[in-house]
């Protein structure tokens, strides 16, 4: 998500579409802004992580943040 411009949007859109066509789940890492989040959701990206949600946290603090915000986490 470092270079979030029109070219990268086209590439991301094509990658997410291809993954979905192949039955592969999608994850975007490095999401830092609401604009990036909204775009990824609009193209159907299933899992999104990054500083937009939080800086890295110790396990206990992470669990508390997830519970407070109702954020869904991926099962192992």
N, C-alpha and C. Protein backbone atom coordinates (compact mmCIF):
# COMPACT_ATOMS: atom_id res chain seq x y z
N UNK A 1 0.81 -1.19 0.00
CA UNK A 1 0.00 0.00 0.00
C UNK A 1 0.86 1.27 0.00
N UNK A 2 2.17 1.10 -0.08
CA UNK A 2 3.08 2.24 -0.01
C UNK A 2 2.79 3.27 -1.10
N UNK A 3 2.72 2.85 -2.36
CA UNK A 3 2.46 3.76 -3.47
C UNK A 3 1.00 3.60 -3.89
N UNK A 4 0.11 4.27 -3.20
CA UNK A 4 -1.33 4.12 -3.43
C UNK A 4 -1.76 5.14 -4.48
N UNK A 5 -1.55 4.78 -5.76
CA UNK A 5 -1.92 5.66 -6.86
C UNK A 5 -2.83 4.90 -7.82
N UNK A 6 -3.18 5.52 -8.93
CA UNK A 6 -4.11 4.89 -9.87
C UNK A 6 -3.56 3.58 -10.43
N UNK A 7 -2.27 3.52 -10.70
CA UNK A 7 -1.68 2.28 -11.22
C UNK A 7 -1.78 1.16 -10.19
N UNK A 8 -1.46 1.47 -8.94
CA UNK A 8 -1.53 0.43 -7.91
C UNK A 8 -2.97 0.00 -7.67
N UNK A 9 -3.92 0.92 -7.81
CA UNK A 9 -5.34 0.55 -7.66
C UNK A 9 -5.75 -0.44 -8.74
N UNK A 10 -5.29 -0.22 -9.97
CA UNK A 10 -5.60 -1.15 -11.07
C UNK A 10 -4.99 -2.52 -10.80
N UNK A 11 -3.75 -2.54 -10.33
CA UNK A 11 -3.08 -3.80 -10.03
C UNK A 11 -3.80 -4.54 -8.90
N UNK A 12 -4.11 -3.83 -7.83
CA UNK A 12 -4.80 -4.44 -6.69
C UNK A 12 -6.17 -4.98 -7.11
N UNK A 13 -6.90 -4.21 -7.90
CA UNK A 13 -8.21 -4.65 -8.36
C UNK A 13 -8.10 -5.93 -9.16
N UNK A 14 -7.12 -6.00 -10.06
CA UNK A 14 -6.92 -7.20 -10.88
C UNK A 14 -6.50 -8.39 -10.02
N UNK A 15 -5.64 -8.16 -9.05
CA UNK A 15 -5.17 -9.25 -8.17
C UNK A 15 -6.31 -9.81 -7.33
N UNK A 16 -7.12 -8.93 -6.76
CA UNK A 16 -8.24 -9.39 -5.93
C UNK A 16 -9.25 -10.15 -6.79
N UNK A 17 -9.53 -9.64 -7.99
CA UNK A 17 -10.47 -10.33 -8.88
C UNK A 17 -9.94 -11.71 -9.26
N UNK A 18 -8.66 -11.78 -9.61
CA UNK A 18 -8.07 -13.06 -9.99
C UNK A 18 -8.12 -14.05 -8.82
N UNK A 19 -7.78 -13.58 -7.63
CA UNK A 19 -7.82 -14.45 -6.45
C UNK A 19 -9.23 -14.98 -6.22
N UNK A 20 -10.21 -14.10 -6.31
CA UNK A 20 -11.60 -14.52 -6.11
C UNK A 20 -12.03 -15.53 -7.18
N UNK A 21 -11.63 -15.28 -8.43
CA UNK A 21 -11.96 -16.22 -9.52
C UNK A 21 -11.36 -17.60 -9.27
N UNK A 22 -10.22 -17.64 -8.57
CA UNK A 22 -9.54 -18.90 -8.26
C UNK A 22 -9.96 -19.48 -6.91
N UNK A 23 -10.85 -18.78 -6.21
CA UNK A 23 -11.31 -19.26 -4.90
C UNK A 23 -10.32 -19.03 -3.79
N UNK A 24 -9.44 -18.05 -3.96
CA UNK A 24 -8.41 -17.75 -2.96
C UNK A 24 -8.85 -16.54 -2.15
N UNK A 25 -8.72 -16.62 -0.83
CA UNK A 25 -9.05 -15.49 0.04
C UNK A 25 -7.99 -14.40 -0.11
N UNK A 26 -8.38 -13.16 0.17
CA UNK A 26 -7.48 -12.04 -0.01
C UNK A 26 -7.18 -11.32 1.30
N UNK A 27 -5.93 -10.87 1.43
CA UNK A 27 -5.47 -10.13 2.61
C UNK A 27 -4.60 -8.99 2.13
N UNK A 28 -4.88 -7.78 2.61
CA UNK A 28 -4.03 -6.62 2.33
C UNK A 28 -3.34 -6.21 3.61
N UNK A 29 -2.04 -6.01 3.53
CA UNK A 29 -1.25 -5.59 4.68
C UNK A 29 -0.74 -4.17 4.44
N UNK A 30 -0.45 -3.48 5.50
CA UNK A 30 0.13 -2.14 5.38
C UNK A 30 -0.89 -1.05 5.16
N UNK A 31 -2.14 -1.28 5.52
CA UNK A 31 -3.19 -0.28 5.32
C UNK A 31 -3.07 0.78 6.42
N UNK A 32 -2.94 2.04 5.99
CA UNK A 32 -2.71 3.11 6.95
C UNK A 32 -3.78 4.19 6.94
N UNK A 33 -4.60 4.26 5.89
CA UNK A 33 -5.57 5.36 5.80
C UNK A 33 -6.98 4.84 5.53
N UNK A 34 -7.96 5.67 5.85
CA UNK A 34 -9.36 5.35 5.57
C UNK A 34 -9.57 5.21 4.06
N UNK A 35 -8.91 6.02 3.28
CA UNK A 35 -9.02 5.95 1.82
C UNK A 35 -8.57 4.57 1.31
N UNK A 36 -7.47 4.07 1.82
CA UNK A 36 -6.99 2.74 1.44
C UNK A 36 -7.98 1.67 1.87
N UNK A 37 -8.46 1.77 3.11
CA UNK A 37 -9.43 0.81 3.63
C UNK A 37 -10.69 0.79 2.77
N UNK A 38 -11.26 1.96 2.50
CA UNK A 38 -12.48 2.04 1.69
C UNK A 38 -12.28 1.44 0.31
N UNK A 39 -11.15 1.72 -0.31
CA UNK A 39 -10.88 1.18 -1.64
C UNK A 39 -10.81 -0.35 -1.60
N UNK A 40 -10.05 -0.88 -0.66
CA UNK A 40 -9.90 -2.33 -0.57
C UNK A 40 -11.23 -3.02 -0.30
N UNK A 41 -12.04 -2.44 0.54
CA UNK A 41 -13.36 -3.01 0.79
C UNK A 41 -14.22 -2.94 -0.46
N UNK A 42 -14.09 -1.86 -1.22
CA UNK A 42 -14.91 -1.69 -2.43
C UNK A 42 -14.58 -2.71 -3.52
N UNK A 43 -13.34 -3.21 -3.52
CA UNK A 43 -12.97 -4.21 -4.53
C UNK A 43 -13.10 -5.64 -4.01
N UNK A 44 -13.58 -5.76 -2.77
CA UNK A 44 -13.87 -7.08 -2.22
C UNK A 44 -12.75 -7.76 -1.47
N UNK A 45 -11.73 -7.00 -1.05
CA UNK A 45 -10.66 -7.60 -0.25
C UNK A 45 -11.26 -8.06 1.08
N UNK A 46 -10.99 -9.31 1.45
CA UNK A 46 -11.64 -9.90 2.61
C UNK A 46 -11.00 -9.58 3.95
N UNK A 47 -9.69 -9.54 4.00
CA UNK A 47 -8.98 -9.31 5.25
C UNK A 47 -8.04 -8.12 5.06
N UNK A 48 -8.03 -7.24 6.06
CA UNK A 48 -7.23 -6.02 5.96
C UNK A 48 -6.55 -5.79 7.30
N UNK A 49 -5.25 -5.49 7.23
CA UNK A 49 -4.54 -5.21 8.47
C UNK A 49 -3.57 -4.07 8.24
N UNK A 50 -3.20 -3.42 9.31
CA UNK A 50 -2.23 -2.34 9.21
C UNK A 50 -2.41 -1.31 10.30
N UNK A 51 -1.59 -0.27 10.23
CA UNK A 51 -1.59 0.79 11.24
C UNK A 51 -2.91 1.56 11.29
N UNK A 52 -3.74 1.43 10.24
CA UNK A 52 -5.05 2.09 10.29
C UNK A 52 -5.81 1.61 11.53
N UNK A 53 -5.68 0.34 11.84
CA UNK A 53 -6.39 -0.23 12.99
C UNK A 53 -5.60 -0.02 14.28
N UNK A 54 -4.30 -0.24 14.23
CA UNK A 54 -3.50 -0.10 15.45
C UNK A 54 -2.03 -0.31 15.14
N UNK A 55 -1.19 0.27 16.00
CA UNK A 55 0.23 -0.07 15.98
C UNK A 55 0.37 -1.48 16.55
N UNK A 56 1.51 -2.13 16.34
CA UNK A 56 1.71 -3.45 16.96
C UNK A 56 1.54 -3.36 18.48
N UNK A 57 0.89 -4.40 19.04
CA UNK A 57 0.60 -4.42 20.47
C UNK A 57 1.00 -5.75 21.09
N UNK A 58 1.28 -5.76 22.38
CA UNK A 58 1.44 -7.03 23.09
C UNK A 58 0.13 -7.81 23.02
N UNK A 59 0.19 -9.11 23.14
CA UNK A 59 -0.98 -9.98 22.98
C UNK A 59 -2.16 -9.55 23.84
N UNK A 60 -1.94 -9.27 25.10
CA UNK A 60 -3.03 -8.89 26.00
C UNK A 60 -3.73 -7.61 25.57
N UNK A 61 -2.94 -6.62 25.16
CA UNK A 61 -3.53 -5.36 24.71
C UNK A 61 -4.27 -5.55 23.38
N UNK A 62 -3.72 -6.41 22.53
CA UNK A 62 -4.37 -6.69 21.25
C UNK A 62 -5.74 -7.32 21.48
N UNK A 63 -5.81 -8.29 22.38
CA UNK A 63 -7.08 -8.96 22.67
C UNK A 63 -8.10 -7.97 23.20
N UNK A 64 -7.66 -7.04 24.05
CA UNK A 64 -8.56 -6.02 24.60
C UNK A 64 -9.07 -5.09 23.49
N UNK A 65 -8.18 -4.67 22.60
CA UNK A 65 -8.57 -3.78 21.50
C UNK A 65 -9.58 -4.46 20.58
N UNK A 66 -9.33 -5.71 20.25
CA UNK A 66 -10.23 -6.46 19.37
C UNK A 66 -11.61 -6.58 20.00
N UNK A 67 -11.65 -6.89 21.29
CA UNK A 67 -12.93 -7.03 21.99
C UNK A 67 -13.67 -5.70 22.05
N UNK A 68 -12.96 -4.63 22.35
CA UNK A 68 -13.60 -3.32 22.48
C UNK A 68 -14.18 -2.82 21.15
N UNK A 69 -13.46 -3.06 20.06
CA UNK A 69 -13.89 -2.53 18.76
C UNK A 69 -14.72 -3.52 17.95
N UNK A 70 -14.86 -4.74 18.46
CA UNK A 70 -15.64 -5.74 17.73
C UNK A 70 -14.99 -6.15 16.42
N UNK A 71 -13.67 -6.14 16.38
CA UNK A 71 -12.93 -6.49 15.17
C UNK A 71 -12.86 -8.01 15.07
N UNK A 72 -13.15 -8.52 13.90
CA UNK A 72 -13.07 -9.96 13.66
C UNK A 72 -11.63 -10.33 13.35
N UNK A 73 -11.13 -11.35 14.01
CA UNK A 73 -9.77 -11.81 13.72
C UNK A 73 -9.81 -13.16 13.06
N UNK A 74 -8.79 -13.46 12.30
CA UNK A 74 -8.71 -14.71 11.57
C UNK A 74 -8.35 -15.85 12.51
N UNK A 75 -9.01 -16.98 12.36
CA UNK A 75 -8.68 -18.16 13.16
C UNK A 75 -7.41 -18.79 12.63
N UNK A 76 -6.66 -19.43 13.53
CA UNK A 76 -5.46 -20.13 13.12
C UNK A 76 -5.88 -21.34 12.36
